[in-house]
Protein backbone atom coordinates (compact mmCIF):
# COMPACT_ATOMS: atom_id res chain seq x y z
CA UNK A 1 199.10 19.04 69.56
CA UNK A 2 198.59 19.02 68.28
CA UNK A 3 195.55 18.98 68.43
CA UNK A 4 191.84 19.36 66.93
CA UNK A 5 187.66 20.64 65.34
CA UNK A 6 183.23 23.08 64.41
CA UNK A 7 180.07 21.96 63.27
CA UNK A 8 180.92 23.89 60.08
CA UNK A 9 183.31 21.18 58.89
CA UNK A 10 182.51 19.45 55.61
CA UNK A 11 182.54 15.87 56.78
CA UNK A 12 183.87 13.00 54.74
CA UNK A 13 183.57 9.28 55.31
CA UNK A 14 185.82 8.31 58.19
CA UNK A 15 186.97 4.91 57.06
CA UNK A 16 188.37 5.18 53.55
CA UNK A 17 189.87 2.20 51.83
CA UNK A 18 193.50 2.92 51.19
CA UNK A 19 194.62 1.22 48.02
CA UNK A 20 197.97 0.96 46.26
CA UNK A 21 201.17 -0.96 46.60
CA UNK A 22 200.99 -1.15 50.37
CA UNK A 23 197.47 -2.51 50.35
CA UNK A 24 196.68 -0.97 53.74
CA UNK A 25 193.27 -1.83 55.12
CA UNK A 26 190.59 0.61 56.12
CA UNK A 27 189.42 1.14 59.64
CA UNK A 28 187.15 -1.54 61.04
CA UNK A 29 183.41 -1.37 60.53
CA UNK A 30 182.93 -0.49 64.19
CA UNK A 31 184.98 2.66 63.78
CA UNK A 32 183.18 3.63 60.61
CA UNK A 33 179.79 3.79 62.28
CA UNK A 34 178.38 6.74 64.20
CA UNK A 35 177.38 4.64 67.18
CA UNK A 36 179.19 2.55 69.74
CA UNK A 37 178.31 -0.97 70.76
CA UNK A 38 176.39 -1.39 74.04
CA UNK A 39 178.72 -2.04 76.95
CA UNK A 40 179.71 -5.70 77.06
CA UNK A 41 180.83 -6.61 80.55
CA UNK A 42 182.24 -9.95 79.38
CA UNK A 43 185.11 -7.99 77.79
CA UNK A 44 185.87 -5.91 80.88
CA UNK A 45 189.20 -6.44 82.61
CA UNK A 46 192.84 -6.98 81.84
CA UNK A 47 195.71 -4.56 81.27
CA UNK A 48 196.07 -2.61 78.02
CA UNK A 49 199.69 -1.90 77.10
CA UNK A 50 200.27 1.20 74.97
CA UNK A 51 203.78 1.84 73.70
CA UNK A 52 205.47 5.18 72.99
CA UNK A 53 209.11 6.06 72.51
CA UNK A 54 208.88 9.02 74.89
CA UNK A 55 206.48 10.61 77.32
CA UNK A 56 204.32 13.55 76.29
CA UNK A 57 205.48 16.10 78.86
CA UNK A 58 203.38 17.53 81.66
CA UNK A 59 200.35 15.54 82.81
CA UNK A 60 198.38 18.71 83.57
CA UNK A 61 195.26 18.75 81.33
CA UNK A 62 195.04 22.54 81.37
CA UNK A 63 198.64 22.87 80.15
CA UNK A 64 199.47 19.83 78.01
CA UNK A 65 198.90 20.43 74.29
CA UNK A 66 199.82 17.08 72.76
CA UNK A 67 197.70 14.54 70.94
CA UNK A 68 199.50 11.86 72.96
CA UNK A 69 197.85 12.89 76.23
CA UNK A 70 194.69 14.54 74.88
CA UNK A 71 193.82 11.03 73.73
CA UNK A 72 194.19 9.73 77.29
CA UNK A 73 192.35 12.64 78.87
CA UNK A 74 189.12 11.47 77.22
CA UNK A 75 188.83 8.76 79.86
CA UNK A 76 190.18 10.75 82.82
CA UNK A 77 188.76 14.30 82.74
CA UNK A 78 185.46 16.02 81.93
CA UNK A 79 184.30 19.54 81.20
CA UNK A 80 180.87 21.09 81.37
CA UNK A 81 180.49 19.78 77.82
CA UNK A 82 182.46 17.30 75.74
CA UNK A 83 182.62 15.89 72.26
CA UNK A 84 180.36 12.90 71.68
CA UNK A 85 182.21 9.67 72.55
CA UNK A 86 181.24 7.73 69.44
CA UNK A 87 182.99 6.82 66.23
CA UNK A 88 182.45 8.57 62.92
CA UNK A 89 181.06 11.99 62.04
CA UNK A 90 179.03 12.31 65.23
CA UNK A 91 182.27 12.50 67.23
CA UNK A 92 182.42 16.20 66.27
CA UNK A 93 179.14 16.94 68.06
CA UNK A 94 179.24 18.72 71.42
CA UNK A 95 177.15 17.06 74.14
CA UNK A 96 176.48 17.91 77.80
CA UNK A 97 178.98 16.33 80.21
CA UNK A 98 179.25 17.61 83.79
CA UNK A 99 176.37 19.94 82.88
CA UNK A 100 172.87 18.49 82.76
CA UNK A 101 172.20 19.92 79.30
CA UNK A 102 173.72 22.16 76.68
CA UNK A 103 173.66 25.74 77.93
CA UNK A 104 170.88 28.26 77.58
CA UNK A 105 172.41 31.03 75.45
CA UNK A 106 171.07 34.55 75.98
CA UNK A 107 172.20 38.20 75.83
CA UNK A 108 172.75 38.12 72.08
CA UNK A 109 175.01 35.07 72.27
CA UNK A 110 177.20 36.42 75.08
CA UNK A 111 175.75 34.59 78.11
CA UNK A 112 175.90 30.80 78.63
CA UNK A 113 173.99 29.30 81.55
CA UNK A 114 174.69 25.73 82.67
CA UNK A 115 173.31 23.56 85.47
CA UNK A 116 175.95 21.36 87.08
CA UNK A 117 175.02 17.70 87.64
CA UNK A 118 174.74 16.66 91.29
CA UNK A 119 176.56 13.78 92.97
CA UNK A 120 179.55 13.46 90.64
CA UNK A 121 182.83 12.84 92.46
CA UNK A 122 186.47 13.37 91.65
CA UNK A 123 188.78 10.37 91.82
CA UNK A 124 189.85 11.53 95.30
CA UNK A 125 186.27 11.04 96.53
CA UNK A 126 185.32 14.72 96.82
CA UNK A 127 182.06 15.89 95.24
CA UNK A 128 182.24 18.28 92.28
CA UNK A 129 180.78 21.70 93.12
CA UNK A 130 180.27 24.96 91.29
CA UNK A 131 183.23 26.35 93.24
CA UNK A 132 185.44 23.78 91.50
CA UNK A 133 184.08 25.05 88.18
CA UNK A 134 184.95 28.66 89.00
CA UNK A 135 188.42 27.71 90.25
CA UNK A 136 189.06 25.64 87.11
CA UNK A 137 188.33 28.57 84.80
CA UNK A 138 190.53 30.86 86.89
CA UNK A 139 193.26 28.21 86.81
CA UNK A 140 193.33 28.25 82.98
CA UNK A 141 194.93 31.69 83.25
CA UNK A 142 197.01 31.05 86.37
CA UNK A 143 198.85 28.13 84.78
CA UNK A 144 199.52 30.10 81.56
CA UNK A 145 197.39 27.86 79.37
CA UNK A 146 198.64 27.99 75.75
CA UNK A 147 195.32 29.43 74.54
CA UNK A 148 194.41 31.60 77.52
CA UNK A 149 195.07 34.72 75.47
CA UNK A 150 193.34 33.53 72.31
CA UNK A 151 190.33 31.41 73.28
CA UNK A 152 189.48 32.09 76.89
CA UNK A 153 190.24 35.80 76.98
CA UNK A 154 186.78 36.18 75.41
CA UNK A 155 185.36 35.56 78.90
CA UNK A 156 184.57 38.79 80.77
CA UNK A 157 187.64 39.51 82.89
CA UNK A 158 189.79 37.22 80.76
CA UNK A 159 191.93 40.00 79.30
CA UNK A 160 192.87 41.17 82.79
CA UNK A 161 193.69 37.57 83.76
CA UNK A 162 196.06 37.30 80.79
CA UNK A 163 197.86 40.44 82.00
CA UNK A 164 198.00 39.45 85.69
CA UNK A 165 197.25 35.72 85.89
CA UNK A 166 198.21 35.30 89.55
CA UNK A 167 195.28 37.45 90.68
CA UNK A 168 192.75 36.11 88.16
CA UNK A 169 189.17 36.24 89.46
CA UNK A 170 187.07 36.43 86.26
CA UNK A 171 184.69 38.68 88.16
CA UNK A 172 181.49 38.93 86.17
CA UNK A 173 182.86 36.41 83.69
CA UNK A 174 182.16 33.14 85.51
CA UNK A 175 179.36 33.45 88.07
CA UNK A 176 178.34 30.45 90.18
CA UNK A 177 175.39 29.82 92.48
CA UNK A 178 175.76 26.94 94.95
CA UNK A 179 172.07 27.03 95.90
CA UNK A 180 170.87 26.44 92.33
CA UNK A 181 173.98 24.63 91.01
CA UNK A 182 174.05 27.16 88.16
CA UNK A 183 177.16 28.27 86.29
CA UNK A 184 176.88 31.39 84.14
CA UNK A 185 179.64 32.38 81.74
CA UNK A 186 179.58 35.85 80.21
CA UNK A 187 181.59 36.69 77.10
CA UNK A 188 182.73 40.10 75.92
CA UNK A 189 181.36 39.26 72.46
CA UNK A 190 179.53 36.33 70.84
CA UNK A 191 181.83 33.44 69.93
CA UNK A 192 180.68 30.74 67.50
CA UNK A 193 183.45 28.42 68.72
CA UNK A 194 183.08 28.80 72.49
CA UNK A 195 181.39 25.45 73.13
CA UNK A 196 184.08 23.67 71.11
CA UNK A 197 186.72 25.38 73.24
CA UNK A 198 184.99 24.24 76.44
CA UNK A 199 184.88 20.65 75.16
CA UNK A 200 188.65 20.14 74.77
CA UNK A 201 190.85 19.10 77.74
CA UNK A 202 191.77 22.70 78.58
CA UNK A 203 188.16 23.06 79.77
CA UNK A 204 188.49 20.19 82.26
CA UNK A 205 186.85 20.77 85.63
CA UNK A 206 189.42 20.06 88.34
CA UNK A 207 189.29 20.28 92.15
CA UNK A 208 189.55 23.82 93.49
CA UNK A 209 192.54 22.51 95.47
CA UNK A 210 194.52 21.76 92.28
CA UNK A 211 197.86 23.61 92.27
CA UNK A 212 197.81 26.96 90.49
CA UNK A 213 200.96 26.06 88.61
CA UNK A 214 201.77 23.35 86.10
CA UNK A 215 201.33 20.09 88.04
CA UNK A 216 204.02 18.40 85.94
CA UNK A 217 204.29 14.70 86.75
CA UNK A 218 201.82 14.82 89.67
CA UNK A 219 198.37 13.53 88.63
CA UNK A 220 195.43 15.85 89.29
CA UNK A 221 192.17 14.12 90.34
CA UNK A 222 189.55 13.95 87.62
CA UNK A 223 185.99 12.74 87.12
CA UNK A 224 186.46 10.26 84.28
CA UNK A 225 186.18 6.49 84.24
CA UNK A 226 189.94 6.27 84.94
CA UNK A 227 192.49 8.11 87.02
CA UNK A 228 196.24 8.50 86.58
CA UNK A 229 197.84 6.54 89.40
CA UNK A 230 201.53 7.08 88.69
CA UNK A 231 203.73 8.81 86.14
CA UNK A 232 207.42 8.41 85.49
CA UNK A 233 208.24 10.13 82.16
CA UNK A 234 211.28 7.87 81.80
CA UNK A 235 209.35 4.64 82.13
CA UNK A 236 205.55 4.51 82.35
CA UNK A 237 202.23 6.28 82.79
CA UNK A 238 199.54 4.20 84.51
CA UNK A 239 195.76 4.63 84.44
CA UNK A 240 193.46 2.62 86.71
CA UNK A 241 189.72 2.63 87.21
CA UNK A 242 188.35 5.61 89.12
CA UNK A 243 186.69 3.94 92.15
CA UNK A 244 184.19 6.79 92.45
CA UNK A 245 183.04 6.78 88.82
CA UNK A 246 179.47 5.98 87.82
CA UNK A 247 178.18 6.56 84.29
CA UNK A 248 176.03 9.70 84.16
CA UNK A 249 176.09 9.96 80.37
CA UNK A 250 177.54 7.29 78.09
CA UNK A 251 177.58 9.88 75.30
CA UNK A 252 179.99 12.03 77.30
CA UNK A 253 181.90 9.55 79.50
CA UNK A 254 181.22 5.84 78.90
CA UNK A 255 182.41 2.99 81.07
CA UNK A 256 185.81 1.69 80.01
CA UNK A 257 186.95 -1.90 79.45
CA UNK A 258 190.52 -2.50 80.73
CA UNK A 259 191.14 -2.55 84.46
CA UNK A 260 194.46 -0.85 83.85
CA UNK A 261 195.95 1.12 80.96
CA UNK A 262 199.73 1.47 80.82
CA UNK A 263 201.66 3.71 78.42
CA UNK A 264 205.22 2.40 78.46
CA UNK A 265 208.10 4.64 77.35
CA UNK A 266 211.67 4.04 76.25
CA UNK A 267 211.54 1.64 73.30
CA UNK A 268 212.39 2.48 69.72
CA UNK A 269 209.48 2.43 67.32
CA UNK A 270 211.02 -0.65 65.71
CA UNK A 271 210.89 -2.41 69.07
CA UNK A 272 207.32 -1.23 69.64
CA UNK A 273 206.19 -2.73 66.35
CA UNK A 274 207.95 -6.01 67.10
CA UNK A 275 206.38 -6.14 70.57
CA UNK A 276 202.87 -5.74 69.13
CA UNK A 277 203.61 -8.36 66.49
CA UNK A 278 204.68 -10.77 69.24
CA UNK A 279 201.72 -10.03 71.51
CA UNK A 280 203.86 -8.18 74.07
CA UNK A 281 202.19 -4.83 73.40
CA UNK A 282 198.76 -3.65 72.30
CA UNK A 283 199.31 -0.41 70.36
CA UNK A 284 202.08 1.68 68.78
CA UNK A 285 201.79 5.42 69.37
CA UNK A 286 204.71 6.58 67.21
CA UNK A 287 204.62 6.90 63.40
CA UNK A 288 205.25 3.46 61.96
CA UNK A 289 208.60 2.98 60.17
CA UNK A 290 208.07 3.05 56.41
CA UNK A 291 210.23 -0.04 55.93
CA UNK A 292 207.80 -2.10 58.06
CA UNK A 293 204.57 -1.07 56.35
CA UNK A 294 204.70 -3.67 53.58
CA UNK A 295 205.13 -6.46 56.10
CA UNK A 296 202.41 -5.11 58.37
CA UNK A 297 199.92 -4.60 55.55
CA UNK A 298 200.25 -8.21 54.41
CA UNK A 299 200.91 -10.28 57.51
CA UNK A 300 198.96 -8.15 60.01
CA UNK A 301 196.33 -6.51 57.82
CA UNK A 302 193.50 -7.12 60.30
CA UNK A 303 195.43 -5.27 62.99
CA UNK A 304 195.96 -2.06 60.96
CA UNK A 305 193.43 0.77 60.97
CA UNK A 306 193.91 3.73 58.59
CA UNK A 307 191.95 6.99 58.93
CA UNK A 308 192.21 10.32 57.09
CA UNK A 309 193.08 13.38 59.17
CA UNK A 310 192.69 17.13 58.88
CA UNK A 311 196.18 17.85 60.11
CA UNK A 312 199.48 19.10 58.77
CA UNK A 313 203.22 18.49 59.08
CA UNK A 314 205.10 21.74 58.53
CA UNK A 315 208.38 23.61 58.92
CA UNK A 316 207.87 26.86 60.89
CA UNK A 317 210.64 29.38 60.21
CA UNK A 318 211.56 31.98 62.82
CA UNK A 319 210.55 35.26 61.16
CA UNK A 320 212.42 37.24 63.81
CA UNK A 321 215.78 35.53 63.53
CA UNK A 322 218.32 35.36 60.68
CA UNK A 323 218.24 34.08 58.06
CA UNK A 324 214.47 33.67 58.10
CA UNK A 325 213.69 37.22 59.16
CA UNK A 326 214.19 37.76 55.42
CA UNK A 327 211.09 36.99 53.32
CA UNK A 328 213.15 35.90 50.31
CA UNK A 329 214.97 33.35 52.46
CA UNK A 330 211.64 31.89 53.56
CA UNK A 331 210.47 31.83 49.94
CA UNK A 332 213.66 30.02 48.98
CA UNK A 333 213.06 27.21 51.46
CA UNK A 334 209.47 26.88 50.28
CA UNK A 335 210.65 26.49 46.68
CA UNK A 336 213.48 24.08 47.60
CA UNK A 337 211.73 21.48 49.74
CA UNK A 338 210.40 18.51 47.79
CA UNK A 339 207.17 17.61 49.57
CA UNK A 340 207.01 14.29 47.74
CA UNK A 341 210.40 13.34 49.18
CA UNK A 342 209.17 14.19 52.69
CA UNK A 343 206.09 12.03 52.11
CA UNK A 344 208.29 9.13 51.01
CA UNK A 345 210.10 9.33 54.34
CA UNK A 346 206.77 9.41 56.16
CA UNK A 347 205.65 6.20 54.48
CA UNK A 348 204.56 7.00 50.94
CA UNK A 349 201.73 8.51 48.96
CA UNK A 350 199.17 6.16 50.48
CA UNK A 351 199.78 7.72 53.89
CA UNK A 352 199.92 11.44 53.09
CA UNK A 353 199.41 14.06 50.38
CA UNK A 354 201.45 17.20 49.58
CA UNK A 355 200.35 20.43 51.26
CA UNK A 356 200.74 23.92 49.81
CA UNK A 357 198.22 25.61 52.09
CA UNK A 358 197.98 26.15 55.83
CA UNK A 359 194.36 24.95 56.02
CA UNK A 360 194.16 21.25 55.09
CA UNK A 361 191.80 19.90 52.42
CA UNK A 362 188.27 19.23 53.65
CA UNK A 363 188.60 21.89 56.33
CA UNK A 364 186.52 25.08 56.73
CA UNK A 365 188.08 27.86 54.63
CA UNK A 366 190.38 25.64 52.59
CA UNK A 367 191.00 26.76 49.00
CA UNK A 368 193.29 25.07 46.51
CA UNK A 369 196.42 27.05 45.64
CA UNK A 370 200.14 26.29 45.39
CA UNK A 371 202.52 29.24 45.23
CA UNK A 372 205.92 27.58 45.68
CA UNK A 373 206.59 24.90 43.11
CA UNK A 374 208.03 24.25 39.69
CA UNK A 375 205.43 25.46 37.22
CA UNK A 376 201.98 26.81 37.95
CA UNK A 377 198.63 25.43 39.01
CA UNK A 378 196.90 24.41 42.22
CA UNK A 379 198.40 20.91 42.33
CA UNK A 380 201.92 20.51 43.64
CA UNK A 381 204.39 20.07 40.77
CA UNK A 382 207.66 19.58 42.63
CA UNK A 383 210.47 21.86 43.87
CA UNK A 384 212.25 24.61 41.96
CA UNK A 385 215.84 24.41 43.18
CA UNK A 386 217.17 26.96 40.71
CA UNK A 387 214.74 29.60 41.92
CA UNK A 388 215.52 28.72 45.52
CA UNK A 389 219.27 29.18 45.00
CA UNK A 390 218.71 32.51 43.27
CA UNK A 391 216.54 33.75 46.15
CA UNK A 392 219.14 32.75 48.74
CA UNK A 393 221.81 34.80 46.93
CA UNK A 394 219.48 37.73 46.34
CA UNK A 395 218.47 37.75 50.02
CA UNK A 396 222.08 38.13 51.14
CA UNK A 397 221.78 35.11 53.42
CA UNK A 398 224.02 32.75 51.44
CA UNK A 399 226.46 30.84 53.65
CA UNK A 400 224.62 31.48 56.91
CA UNK A 401 224.33 28.74 59.53
CA UNK A 402 220.93 27.18 60.15
CA UNK A 403 219.92 24.77 62.92
CA UNK A 404 216.95 22.42 62.44
CA UNK A 405 215.25 21.11 65.60
CA UNK A 406 213.28 17.86 65.29
CA UNK A 407 212.08 15.06 67.55
CA UNK A 408 214.37 12.06 67.66
CA UNK A 409 211.98 9.33 66.49
CA UNK A 410 212.96 7.64 63.24
CA UNK A 411 210.41 9.37 60.98
CA UNK A 412 210.85 12.94 62.26
CA UNK A 413 214.62 12.62 62.31
CA UNK A 414 214.68 11.26 58.75
CA UNK A 415 212.61 14.22 57.52
CA UNK A 416 214.91 16.56 59.44
CA UNK A 417 217.98 15.05 57.80
CA UNK A 418 216.36 15.52 54.40
CA UNK A 419 215.64 19.20 55.18
CA UNK A 420 219.27 19.58 56.27
CA UNK A 421 220.49 18.25 52.90
CA UNK A 422 218.20 20.62 51.01
CA UNK A 423 219.29 23.69 52.99
CA UNK A 424 222.93 22.79 52.37
CA UNK A 425 222.25 22.37 48.66
CA UNK A 426 220.82 25.91 48.28
CA UNK A 427 223.63 27.69 50.09
CA UNK A 428 223.18 27.37 53.85
CA UNK A 429 225.31 25.56 56.44
CA UNK A 430 222.69 23.39 58.09
CA UNK A 431 222.90 21.18 61.15
CA UNK A 432 220.23 19.06 62.79
CA UNK A 433 219.36 18.94 66.50
CA UNK A 434 217.18 15.94 67.44
CA UNK A 435 215.40 16.24 70.81
CA UNK A 436 213.20 13.90 72.78
CA UNK A 437 209.51 14.37 72.01
CA UNK A 438 208.69 15.23 75.61
CA UNK A 439 210.74 18.43 75.38
CA UNK A 440 210.97 19.32 71.66
CA UNK A 441 207.51 20.89 71.31
CA UNK A 442 208.06 23.32 74.20
CA UNK A 443 211.67 23.94 73.21
CA UNK A 444 210.85 25.15 69.69
CA UNK A 445 208.23 27.55 71.07
CA UNK A 446 210.59 29.42 73.39
CA UNK A 447 212.39 32.33 71.72
CA UNK A 448 215.20 32.03 74.28
CA UNK A 449 216.31 28.87 72.48
CA UNK A 450 216.82 30.77 69.21
CA UNK A 451 215.37 28.03 67.02
CA UNK A 452 215.64 29.06 63.36
CA UNK A 453 213.60 26.29 61.76
CA UNK A 454 211.94 23.17 63.13
CA UNK A 455 209.70 20.31 62.16
CA UNK A 456 206.30 20.34 63.78
CA UNK A 457 202.81 18.95 63.38
CA UNK A 458 199.38 20.39 64.00
CA UNK A 459 196.35 18.23 64.65
CA UNK A 460 193.20 20.30 64.94
CA UNK A 461 191.67 21.20 68.27
CA UNK A 462 188.24 21.43 66.65
CA UNK A 463 186.98 22.03 63.09
CA UNK A 464 187.31 25.78 62.56
CA UNK A 465 189.77 27.69 60.36
CA UNK A 466 190.78 29.89 63.29
CA UNK A 467 192.23 26.82 65.00
CA UNK A 468 194.98 26.81 62.39
CA UNK A 469 195.33 30.41 61.26
CA UNK A 470 194.59 32.37 64.43
CA UNK A 471 196.07 29.95 66.94
CA UNK A 472 199.28 29.33 65.00
CA UNK A 473 199.91 32.62 63.17
CA UNK A 474 198.36 35.52 65.06
CA UNK A 475 200.03 38.06 67.34
CA UNK A 476 197.98 36.63 70.22
CA UNK A 477 199.70 33.26 69.86
CA UNK A 478 203.22 34.69 70.12
CA UNK A 479 204.69 34.98 73.64
CA UNK A 480 208.45 35.63 73.61
CA UNK A 481 210.39 33.78 76.28
CA UNK A 482 207.61 31.28 76.97
CA UNK A 483 207.44 27.53 76.44
CA UNK A 484 203.80 28.07 75.49
CA UNK A 485 204.18 30.29 72.43
CA UNK A 486 202.28 28.23 69.88
CA UNK A 487 203.01 30.71 67.07
CA UNK A 488 206.38 29.05 66.56
CA UNK A 489 207.23 31.21 63.55
CA UNK A 490 206.80 34.32 65.71
CA UNK A 491 204.86 35.97 62.89
CA UNK A 492 202.76 38.98 63.92
CA UNK A 493 200.83 41.16 61.49
CA UNK A 494 198.11 43.30 63.09
CA UNK A 495 196.37 43.94 59.77
CA UNK A 496 196.01 40.21 59.18
CA UNK A 497 194.90 39.78 62.80
CA UNK A 498 192.12 42.28 62.13
CA UNK A 499 191.00 40.18 59.16
CA UNK A 500 190.99 37.08 61.37
CA UNK A 501 188.82 38.85 63.94
CA UNK A 502 186.45 39.90 61.17
CA UNK A 503 186.24 36.32 59.88
CA UNK A 504 185.47 35.01 63.37
CA UNK A 505 182.69 37.55 63.87
CA UNK A 506 181.27 36.78 60.44
CA UNK A 507 181.08 33.11 61.39
CA UNK A 508 178.21 33.85 63.78
CA UNK A 509 175.90 35.04 61.01
CA UNK A 510 177.36 33.89 57.69
CA UNK A 511 179.66 30.86 57.94
CA UNK A 512 180.01 30.65 54.15
CA UNK A 513 181.29 34.21 53.87
CA UNK A 514 183.49 33.66 56.91
CA UNK A 515 185.14 30.62 55.37
CA UNK A 516 185.73 32.52 52.14
CA UNK A 517 187.55 35.20 54.14
CA UNK A 518 189.60 32.57 55.98
CA UNK A 519 190.65 31.21 52.59
CA UNK A 520 191.83 34.68 51.55
CA UNK A 521 193.82 34.97 54.78
CA UNK A 522 195.50 31.63 54.08
CA UNK A 523 196.53 32.83 50.62
CA UNK A 524 197.76 36.15 51.99
CA UNK A 525 199.88 34.50 54.68
CA UNK A 526 201.55 32.14 52.24
CA UNK A 527 201.87 34.69 49.45
CA UNK A 528 203.18 37.69 51.38
CA UNK A 529 204.80 36.14 54.47
CA UNK A 530 205.52 32.42 53.91
CA UNK A 531 206.23 31.80 57.61
CA UNK A 532 205.98 28.03 57.09
CA UNK A 533 206.78 25.35 54.61
CA UNK A 534 203.60 23.22 54.59
CA UNK A 535 204.81 19.67 53.94
CA UNK A 536 201.91 17.22 53.88
CA UNK A 537 198.59 16.22 55.38
CA UNK A 538 198.83 12.77 56.98
CA UNK A 539 196.64 9.77 57.58
CA UNK A 540 196.56 8.06 60.96
CA UNK A 541 197.66 4.42 61.14
CA UNK A 542 196.89 2.50 64.30
CA UNK A 543 198.63 -0.84 64.70
CA UNK A 544 196.99 -2.85 67.48
CA UNK A 545 197.66 -6.25 68.97
CA UNK A 546 195.93 -9.42 67.87
CA UNK A 547 193.95 -9.67 71.11
CA UNK A 548 192.60 -6.11 70.86
CA UNK A 549 188.95 -5.64 69.94
CA UNK A 550 186.30 -2.90 69.74
CA UNK A 551 188.52 -0.41 67.89
CA UNK A 552 186.67 2.92 67.58
CA UNK A 553 188.05 6.05 65.96
CA UNK A 554 186.93 9.57 66.85
CA UNK A 555 187.58 12.33 64.35
CA UNK A 556 188.01 14.61 67.30
CA UNK A 557 190.44 12.67 69.53
CA UNK A 558 191.31 9.58 67.46
CA UNK A 559 191.28 6.05 68.89
CA UNK A 560 189.42 5.65 72.18
CA UNK A 561 191.97 3.80 74.29
CA UNK A 562 189.53 3.00 77.10
CA UNK A 563 187.07 1.31 74.72
CA UNK A 564 189.56 -1.32 73.55
CA UNK A 565 189.03 -4.91 74.63
CA UNK A 566 191.99 -6.99 75.77
CA UNK A 567 190.00 -10.00 76.97
């Protein structure tokens, strides 16, 4: 999920006018600003109806790693800090949330001291205490959080918690004092990205009584303006106002507008679009069908909002399973895939651009290069099928069977069918396996399922190169036999990991040099390993109902659902 962003990011204008044959409109002026409108009580009330083809899996904020639910968590859960709840560039800024202020950082950058706000209550009516904070950090490890071993193991005691999560104490790592309401977090080494990592949903402060296993479909009480009241992954997820919520910081957790927010599952994306057109729905979560974009951009232009993203669609290949445990086979697929064709299936050149690199354009560490194409240069020049066929034969993998696992929405399945045709054309026997979105992401991570190649997407957690390269392609991100093995390619190179660690450390003192090193790592991964086929970097299109107002877009978490007006 997904997924998301550091203050090092080179920021671009959020709302860019998208021109061309589709004539798509830019995001509204409200979303382009760096401030939100003052709360307007006249617009409070009503039920907001969000539409998605499938549910997003577990509702547990310390386990779920999908954009679908991270977007909803902004109104339901809080951490000690959060990203600023405004539109525009300022949405990347970290602000105090359940803490009274940003932490005092001492001990050479290894000690963070927070003061917990008093009087804040969970949606079950119980007051938030420092003991809840300690239990929440321990729980990150006990529930096998996807990034426990990469991000949070930097906390003193974290490494031991990764090894034996059931007995996790974080002794000396998270120290709380009920008398002073202080929370002290000690790291084993300085970490330039630690505050960003606390500000995403994994850092949510939950009741100490929360189960120490994935809560699944059972809502966990939170502190946000809304609470999850019921969840049936086959039908609907419902959010209602948290009766115990009072605004302590509008920058961190503003008051919401709808009385109820429903995410309804089970319709096709075509039906979702039609429902919003007819006023029977308020927002389409799924990628819009390309054959509807012309109609939407002309007849419903004022209801479309287009925003550029630092994200990537890609094909991870299993580097530990035939045929893609062979480097030449992975090279062959990189040469064979026509990224422009994939973009056409996504909706066209106005909605995405070809990707040759792991780090997207405009992201820390990004450098322009393009190794796998017809011709030379840094700009993508199309596929080289002849070279791909030659590499397949040379690799000795010609004629092998390959399964492609995709989600079963219309766009992902269409791209998957295209990949199937390409693999067949270069000498493989390819089949496609479409899965529901609420299981596909976990399925392709688990080595027990023997997935050879899949279609996946990565939407940044926060703006730092490590959030792509280290999270997705380091040894620390690979956990055989687990549904939470985010290094889907299973690629592990300890020498490259050492370079990643060096780049992270360098980021504390010399971000420019660190980003240069991250760029070298990107080139090395694609040039000597090619564990992925980068396809394209997308734009986000939000199609909202005619009655919807106050659209605001966060670069960090995208559209704020709770800030939409429906009356």
